[in-house]
Amino acid sequence: MNEVIVDSSIYFFFLAGSDSDLDFLGCSQALENGGFCPSRSGQIETFSNECQMVDATRIRFGGKSMRQNLIEVKLSSHQQLNIEYKAGQMSLLGGFGSPHPKPLFSLGVFLRDWDEHRSKLENLLVEVAKAGRATSFVSVFDPLEEFYCSLAYIDERWVFDLEYEYPHLTGQKRYWSYGSSTLWSTERERQLPVLRNLKEEGGEIGGYRIYREFL
């Protein structure tokens, strides 16, 4: 998951609601509209049924638009395409697809860039969410590859804390070992993603209400 951005980073995971899947083309177009140009190469990662990465293949794109490239790359339900987007000295790593019934989109940014350009990037995230038909997006600091194993779509609801809510699904492993996360969502309370001790912070950005974990 951290193929391009290897320094301390924050990732944002965009989640579809129960009524539709994510629009990956919309996510990419929103990034380009925000001034971020996609790389001409990428990497396809393949995951096992246990959400572990088992293979990674570099690919190069031709002279076509990123929209056409995304249409032509046929991802299976256990694959993710990583593409770097750049605007000046700032880099974002977009991850299209994940090993879930409703594949998600992820976006990674250097923590130093997030701290310096938070307001601008937060507005960009909302535009990406809207264009991609995401009802929620969640921040996670420096997620490990095993992060995907701690995330599931159960009973039409995203669950980020499997050990707490569904201990029978995690066995003896403890996957969730990250700091507190922030959630932006348009979902009603009963459909909000399940996180740890989540409370509404107040305020919203572009219709997405802000919640935070208090640990």
C-alpha atoms as a PDB file:
ATOM      1  CA  MET A   1       0.000   0.000   0.000  1.00  0.00           C
ATOM      2  CA  ASN A   2       2.978   2.369   0.636  1.00  0.00           C
ATOM      3  CA  GLU A   3       4.700   1.878  -2.712  1.00  0.00           C
ATOM      4  CA  VAL A   4       5.337   5.537  -3.578  1.00  0.00           C
ATOM      5  CA  ILE A   5       4.811   7.433  -0.358  1.00  0.00           C
ATOM      6  CA  VAL A   6       7.282   5.931   2.096  1.00  0.00           C
ATOM      7  CA  ASP A   7       7.633   8.773   4.626  1.00  0.00           C
ATOM      8  CA  SER A   8       5.185   9.200   7.517  1.00  0.00           C
ATOM      9  CA  SER A   9       1.798   9.502   5.816  1.00  0.00           C
ATOM     10  CA  ILE A  10      -1.902   9.764   6.369  1.00  0.00           C
ATOM     11  CA  TYR A  11      -4.291   7.747   4.209  1.00  0.00           C
ATOM     12  CA  PHE A  12      -7.917   8.429   3.437  1.00  0.00           C
ATOM     13  CA  PHE A  13     -10.233   5.541   2.627  1.00  0.00           C
ATOM     14  CA  PHE A  14     -13.321   6.378   0.551  1.00  0.00           C
ATOM     15  CA  LEU A  15     -16.330   4.156   1.188  1.00  0.00           C
ATOM     16  CA  ALA A  16     -19.425   3.470  -0.859  1.00  0.00           C
ATOM     17  CA  GLY A  17     -22.840   3.398   0.753  1.00  0.00           C
ATOM     18  CA  SER A  18     -25.294   0.536   0.505  1.00  0.00           C
ATOM     19  CA  ASP A  19     -27.022   1.918  -2.615  1.00  0.00           C
ATOM     20  CA  SER A  20     -24.087   2.111  -5.038  1.00  0.00           C
ATOM     21  CA  ASP A  21     -20.432   1.312  -5.704  1.00  0.00           C
ATOM     22  CA  LEU A  22     -17.619   3.838  -5.962  1.00  0.00           C
ATOM     23  CA  ASP A  23     -16.984   5.626  -9.240  1.00  0.00           C
ATOM     24  CA  PHE A  24     -13.197   5.281  -9.667  1.00  0.00           C
ATOM     25  CA  LEU A  25     -13.238   7.437 -12.804  1.00  0.00           C
ATOM     26  CA  GLY A  26     -14.919  10.190 -10.819  1.00  0.00           C
ATOM     27  CA  CYS A  27     -12.262   9.980  -8.090  1.00  0.00           C
ATOM     28  CA  SER A  28      -9.457  10.330 -10.617  1.00  0.00           C
ATOM     29  CA  GLN A  29     -11.148  13.182 -12.483  1.00  0.00           C
ATOM     30  CA  ALA A  30     -11.661  15.124  -9.248  1.00  0.00           C
ATOM     31  CA  LEU A  31      -7.937  14.844  -8.503  1.00  0.00           C
ATOM     32  CA  GLU A  32      -7.074  16.085 -11.986  1.00  0.00           C
ATOM     33  CA  ASN A  33      -9.593  18.929 -11.664  1.00  0.00           C
ATOM     34  CA  GLY A  34      -7.799  19.835  -8.427  1.00  0.00           C
ATOM     35  CA  GLY A  35      -4.512  20.242 -10.305  1.00  0.00           C
ATOM     36  CA  PHE A  36      -2.965  16.810  -9.647  1.00  0.00           C
ATOM     37  CA  CYS A  37      -1.507  15.060 -12.685  1.00  0.00           C
ATOM     38  CA  PRO A  38      -1.411  11.234 -12.753  1.00  0.00           C
ATOM     39  CA  SER A  39       1.793   9.315 -13.378  1.00  0.00           C
ATOM     40  CA  ARG A  40       2.254   7.441 -16.646  1.00  0.00           C
ATOM     41  CA  SER A  41       2.918   4.229 -14.728  1.00  0.00           C
ATOM     42  CA  GLY A  42       1.359   2.352 -11.850  1.00  0.00           C
ATOM     43  CA  GLN A  43       1.430  -0.864  -9.880  1.00  0.00           C
ATOM     44  CA  ILE A  44      -1.206  -3.570  -9.612  1.00  0.00           C
ATOM     45  CA  GLU A  45      -1.199  -5.385  -6.276  1.00  0.00           C
ATOM     46  CA  THR A  46      -2.972  -8.716  -5.825  1.00  0.00           C
ATOM     47  CA  PHE A  47      -4.333  -9.795  -2.433  1.00  0.00           C
ATOM     48  CA  SER A  48      -5.086 -13.233  -1.033  1.00  0.00           C
ATOM     49  CA  ASN A  49      -8.429 -14.188   0.513  1.00  0.00           C
ATOM     50  CA  GLU A  50      -6.819 -13.237   3.861  1.00  0.00           C
ATOM     51  CA  CYS A  51      -6.190  -9.686   2.541  1.00  0.00           C
ATOM     52  CA  GLN A  52      -2.422 -10.185   2.348  1.00  0.00           C
ATOM     53  CA  MET A  53      -0.579  -8.829  -0.719  1.00  0.00           C
ATOM     54  CA  VAL A  54       0.821 -11.777  -2.704  1.00  0.00           C
ATOM     55  CA  ASP A  55       1.944 -10.138  -5.950  1.00  0.00           C
ATOM     56  CA  ALA A  56       2.829  -6.715  -7.394  1.00  0.00           C
ATOM     57  CA  THR A  57       3.184  -5.892 -11.101  1.00  0.00           C
ATOM     58  CA  ARG A  58       4.403  -2.615 -12.605  1.00  0.00           C
ATOM     59  CA  ILE A  59       2.488  -1.316 -15.616  1.00  0.00           C
ATOM     60  CA  ARG A  60       3.044   1.610 -17.964  1.00  0.00           C
ATOM     61  CA  PHE A  61       0.298   3.619 -19.592  1.00  0.00           C
ATOM     62  CA  GLY A  62       0.349   4.856 -23.166  1.00  0.00           C
ATOM     63  CA  GLY A  63      -0.604   8.292 -24.385  1.00  0.00           C
ATOM     64  CA  LYS A  64      -4.288   7.861 -23.574  1.00  0.00           C
ATOM     65  CA  SER A  65      -6.189   9.766 -20.930  1.00  0.00           C
ATOM     66  CA  MET A  66      -6.201   8.423 -17.373  1.00  0.00           C
ATOM     67  CA  ARG A  67      -9.948   7.881 -17.790  1.00  0.00           C
ATOM     68  CA  GLN A  68      -9.299   5.474 -20.676  1.00  0.00           C
ATOM     69  CA  ASN A  69      -6.424   3.811 -18.801  1.00  0.00           C
ATOM     70  CA  LEU A  70      -8.663   3.119 -15.812  1.00  0.00           C
ATOM     71  CA  ILE A  71     -11.359   1.694 -18.084  1.00  0.00           C
ATOM     72  CA  GLU A  72      -8.881  -0.631 -19.789  1.00  0.00           C
ATOM     73  CA  VAL A  73      -7.207  -1.920 -16.621  1.00  0.00           C
ATOM     74  CA  LYS A  74      -9.396  -4.849 -15.634  1.00  0.00           C
ATOM     75  CA  LEU A  75      -9.041  -5.300 -11.870  1.00  0.00           C
ATOM     76  CA  SER A  76     -10.294  -8.429 -10.168  1.00  0.00           C
ATOM     77  CA  SER A  77     -12.046  -8.227  -6.815  1.00  0.00           C
ATOM     78  CA  HIS A  78      -8.708  -8.931  -5.097  1.00  0.00           C
ATOM     79  CA  GLN A  79      -6.567  -6.333  -6.870  1.00  0.00           C
ATOM     80  CA  GLN A  80      -5.628  -2.702  -6.369  1.00  0.00           C
ATOM     81  CA  LEU A  81      -4.102  -0.265  -8.861  1.00  0.00           C
ATOM     82  CA  ASN A  82      -1.778   2.335  -7.300  1.00  0.00           C
ATOM     83  CA  ILE A  83      -1.094   5.553  -9.200  1.00  0.00           C
ATOM     84  CA  GLU A  84       0.854   8.604  -8.050  1.00  0.00           C
ATOM     85  CA  TYR A  85      -0.670  12.049  -8.618  1.00  0.00           C
ATOM     86  CA  LYS A  86       1.505  15.177  -8.414  1.00  0.00           C
ATOM     87  CA  ALA A  87       0.948  18.918  -8.175  1.00  0.00           C
ATOM     88  CA  GLY A  88       4.252  20.755  -7.967  1.00  0.00           C
ATOM     89  CA  GLN A  89       6.219  19.194  -5.100  1.00  0.00           C
ATOM     90  CA  MET A  90       3.162  17.546  -3.550  1.00  0.00           C
ATOM     91  CA  SER A  91       2.461  13.845  -4.160  1.00  0.00           C
ATOM     92  CA  LEU A  92      -0.688  11.821  -3.536  1.00  0.00           C
ATOM     93  CA  LEU A  93      -0.934   8.059  -3.940  1.00  0.00           C
ATOM     94  CA  GLY A  94      -4.281   6.865  -5.270  1.00  0.00           C
ATOM     95  CA  GLY A  95      -5.290   3.256  -4.706  1.00  0.00           C
ATOM     96  CA  PHE A  96      -8.140   1.966  -6.894  1.00  0.00           C
ATOM     97  CA  GLY A  97      -9.755  -1.242  -5.628  1.00  0.00           C
ATOM     98  CA  SER A  98      -9.456  -3.427  -2.526  1.00  0.00           C
ATOM     99  CA  PRO A  99     -10.262  -6.999  -1.408  1.00  0.00           C
ATOM    100  CA  HIS A 100     -13.800  -6.145  -0.260  1.00  0.00           C
ATOM    101  CA  PRO A 101     -17.328  -6.747  -1.611  1.00  0.00           C
ATOM    102  CA  LYS A 102     -17.479  -3.008  -2.294  1.00  0.00           C
ATOM    103  CA  PRO A 103     -13.953  -2.083  -3.444  1.00  0.00           C
ATOM    104  CA  LEU A 104     -12.787   1.203  -1.961  1.00  0.00           C
ATOM    105  CA  PHE A 105     -10.531   4.034  -3.091  1.00  0.00           C
ATOM    106  CA  SER A 106      -7.616   5.204  -0.950  1.00  0.00           C
ATOM    107  CA  LEU A 107      -5.535   8.353  -1.092  1.00  0.00           C
ATOM    108  CA  GLY A 108      -2.203   8.763   0.697  1.00  0.00           C
ATOM    109  CA  VAL A 109      -0.455  12.051   1.448  1.00  0.00           C
ATOM    110  CA  PHE A 110       2.747  12.938   3.283  1.00  0.00           C
ATOM    111  CA  LEU A 111       1.933  14.042   6.813  1.00  0.00           C
ATOM    112  CA  ARG A 112       4.047  17.181   6.368  1.00  0.00           C
ATOM    113  CA  ASP A 113       1.962  18.160   3.305  1.00  0.00           C
ATOM    114  CA  TRP A 114      -1.274  17.459   5.177  1.00  0.00           C
ATOM    115  CA  ASP A 115      -0.184  19.678   8.076  1.00  0.00           C
ATOM    116  CA  GLU A 116       0.814  22.513   5.723  1.00  0.00           C
ATOM    117  CA  HIS A 117      -2.087  22.343   3.254  1.00  0.00           C
ATOM    118  CA  ARG A 118      -4.856  20.795   5.342  1.00  0.00           C
ATOM    119  CA  SER A 119      -7.641  23.214   4.379  1.00  0.00           C
ATOM    120  CA  LYS A 120      -6.943  22.878   0.654  1.00  0.00           C
ATOM    121  CA  LEU A 121      -6.568  19.102   0.835  1.00  0.00           C
ATOM    122  CA  GLU A 122      -9.678  18.659   2.972  1.00  0.00           C
ATOM    123  CA  ASN A 123     -11.734  20.459   0.340  1.00  0.00           C
ATOM    124  CA  LEU A 124     -10.125  18.292  -2.349  1.00  0.00           C
ATOM    125  CA  LEU A 125     -11.045  15.149  -0.395  1.00  0.00           C
ATOM    126  CA  VAL A 126     -14.683  16.239  -0.316  1.00  0.00           C
ATOM    127  CA  GLU A 127     -14.639  16.812  -4.080  1.00  0.00           C
ATOM    128  CA  VAL A 128     -13.107  13.354  -4.593  1.00  0.00           C
ATOM    129  CA  ALA A 129     -15.772  11.825  -2.346  1.00  0.00           C
ATOM    130  CA  LYS A 130     -18.610  13.550  -4.199  1.00  0.00           C
ATOM    131  CA  ALA A 131     -17.281  12.684  -7.661  1.00  0.00           C
ATOM    132  CA  GLY A 132     -16.624   9.103  -6.587  1.00  0.00           C
ATOM    133  CA  ARG A 133     -20.063   8.664  -4.956  1.00  0.00           C
ATOM    134  CA  ALA A 134     -18.473   7.947  -1.561  1.00  0.00           C
ATOM    135  CA  THR A 135     -20.812   8.455   1.386  1.00  0.00           C
ATOM    136  CA  SER A 136     -17.890   8.462   3.859  1.00  0.00           C
ATOM    137  CA  PHE A 137     -14.124   8.739   4.046  1.00  0.00           C
ATOM    138  CA  VAL A 138     -11.859   7.943   6.981  1.00  0.00           C
ATOM    139  CA  SER A 139      -8.300   8.976   7.892  1.00  0.00           C
ATOM    140  CA  VAL A 140      -5.735   6.412   9.075  1.00  0.00           C
ATOM    141  CA  PHE A 141      -2.124   7.247   9.991  1.00  0.00           C
ATOM    142  CA  ASP A 142       0.583   5.022   8.458  1.00  0.00           C
ATOM    143  CA  PRO A 143      -1.606   1.945   7.822  1.00  0.00           C
ATOM    144  CA  LEU A 144       0.203  -1.363   7.451  1.00  0.00           C
ATOM    145  CA  GLU A 145      -0.603  -3.950   4.774  1.00  0.00           C
ATOM    146  CA  GLU A 146      -2.617  -5.813   7.417  1.00  0.00           C
ATOM    147  CA  PHE A 147      -4.962  -2.849   7.696  1.00  0.00           C
ATOM    148  CA  TYR A 148      -7.302  -4.291   5.073  1.00  0.00           C
ATOM    149  CA  CYS A 149      -7.776  -7.337   7.300  1.00  0.00           C
ATOM    150  CA  SER A 150      -9.262  -5.114  10.003  1.00  0.00           C
ATOM    151  CA  LEU A 151     -11.824  -3.623   7.631  1.00  0.00           C
ATOM    152  CA  ALA A 152     -14.986  -5.391   6.466  1.00  0.00           C
ATOM    153  CA  TYR A 153     -18.380  -4.690   4.938  1.00  0.00           C
ATOM    154  CA  ILE A 154     -20.958  -6.432   7.130  1.00  0.00           C
ATOM    155  CA  ASP A 155     -24.762  -6.106   6.976  1.00  0.00           C
ATOM    156  CA  GLU A 156     -24.485  -3.118   4.597  1.00  0.00           C
ATOM    157  CA  ARG A 157     -22.172  -1.268   6.980  1.00  0.00           C
ATOM    158  CA  TRP A 158     -18.416  -0.678   7.015  1.00  0.00           C
ATOM    159  CA  VAL A 159     -16.669  -1.963  10.147  1.00  0.00           C
ATOM    160  CA  PHE A 160     -13.183  -0.662  11.021  1.00  0.00           C
ATOM    161  CA  ASP A 161     -12.846  -2.326  14.403  1.00  0.00           C
ATOM    162  CA  LEU A 162     -13.428  -6.026  13.815  1.00  0.00           C
ATOM    163  CA  GLU A 163     -11.812  -7.064  17.083  1.00  0.00           C
ATOM    164  CA  TYR A 164     -14.220  -4.934  19.081  1.00  0.00           C
ATOM    165  CA  GLU A 165     -17.458  -5.548  17.190  1.00  0.00           C
ATOM    166  CA  TYR A 166     -16.857  -9.009  15.689  1.00  0.00           C
ATOM    167  CA  PRO A 167     -14.158 -10.813  17.729  1.00  0.00           C
ATOM    168  CA  HIS A 168     -15.023 -14.170  16.158  1.00  0.00           C
ATOM    169  CA  LEU A 169     -13.780 -12.844  12.794  1.00  0.00           C
ATOM    170  CA  THR A 170     -10.287 -11.883  13.980  1.00  0.00           C
ATOM    171  CA  GLY A 171      -9.089 -15.020  15.773  1.00  0.00           C
ATOM    172  CA  GLN A 172      -6.017 -14.371  17.902  1.00  0.00           C
ATOM    173  CA  LYS A 173      -4.697 -11.517  15.758  1.00  0.00           C
ATOM    174  CA  ARG A 174      -4.957  -7.869  16.743  1.00  0.00           C
ATOM    175  CA  TYR A 175      -5.032  -5.805  13.587  1.00  0.00           C
ATOM    176  CA  TRP A 176      -6.098  -2.389  14.833  1.00  0.00           C
ATOM    177  CA  SER A 177      -3.048  -0.624  16.211  1.00  0.00           C
ATOM    178  CA  TYR A 178      -3.395   2.905  14.857  1.00  0.00           C
ATOM    179  CA  GLY A 179      -3.994   6.293  16.402  1.00  0.00           C
ATOM    180  CA  SER A 180      -7.396   7.950  16.484  1.00  0.00           C
ATOM    181  CA  SER A 181      -9.090   8.489  13.129  1.00  0.00           C
ATOM    182  CA  THR A 182     -11.395  11.148  11.725  1.00  0.00           C
ATOM    183  CA  LEU A 183     -14.542  10.337   9.752  1.00  0.00           C
ATOM    184  CA  TRP A 184     -16.344  12.547   7.225  1.00  0.00           C
ATOM    185  CA  SER A 185     -19.774  11.194   6.318  1.00  0.00           C
ATOM    186  CA  THR A 186     -23.182  11.925   4.838  1.00  0.00           C
ATOM    187  CA  GLU A 187     -24.633   8.707   6.298  1.00  0.00           C
ATOM    188  CA  ARG A 188     -27.380   8.620   8.895  1.00  0.00           C
ATOM    189  CA  GLU A 189     -26.205   7.583  12.352  1.00  0.00           C
ATOM    190  CA  ARG A 190     -27.337   3.956  12.084  1.00  0.00           C
ATOM    191  CA  GLN A 191     -25.398   3.568   8.804  1.00  0.00           C
ATOM    192  CA  LEU A 192     -22.170   5.248   9.930  1.00  0.00           C
ATOM    193  CA  PRO A 193     -19.009   3.146   9.618  1.00  0.00           C
ATOM    194  CA  VAL A 194     -18.143   1.418  12.895  1.00  0.00           C
ATOM    195  CA  LEU A 195     -15.061   2.913  14.536  1.00  0.00           C
ATOM    196  CA  ARG A 196     -13.858   3.075  18.130  1.00  0.00           C
ATOM    197  CA  ASN A 197     -15.697   5.483  20.464  1.00  0.00           C
ATOM    198  CA  LEU A 198     -16.820   7.685  17.575  1.00  0.00           C
ATOM    199  CA  LYS A 199     -18.346  11.068  18.409  1.00  0.00           C
ATOM    200  CA  GLU A 200     -19.577  13.901  16.217  1.00  0.00           C
ATOM    201  CA  GLU A 201     -17.110  16.785  16.308  1.00  0.00           C
ATOM    202  CA  GLY A 202     -19.492  19.362  14.940  1.00  0.00           C
ATOM    203  CA  GLY A 203     -19.345  21.203  11.658  1.00  0.00           C
ATOM    204  CA  GLU A 204     -19.229  19.865   8.145  1.00  0.00           C
ATOM    205  CA  ILE A 205     -17.458  20.338   4.830  1.00  0.00           C
ATOM    206  CA  GLY A 206     -19.515  20.200   1.661  1.00  0.00           C
ATOM    207  CA  GLY A 207     -22.286  18.265   3.370  1.00  0.00           C
ATOM    208  CA  TYR A 208     -19.940  15.726   5.001  1.00  0.00           C
ATOM    209  CA  ARG A 209     -20.304  15.821   8.792  1.00  0.00           C
ATOM    210  CA  ILE A 210     -17.116  15.408  10.823  1.00  0.00           C
ATOM    211  CA  TYR A 211     -16.667  12.744  13.501  1.00  0.00           C
ATOM    212  CA  ARG A 212     -13.608  11.794  15.530  1.00  0.00           C
ATOM    213  CA  GLU A 213     -12.499   8.826  17.582  1.00  0.00           C
ATOM    214  CA  PHE A 214     -11.889   9.663  21.232  1.00  0.00           C
ATOM    215  CA  LEU A 215      -9.539   7.028  22.673  1.00  0.00           C
END
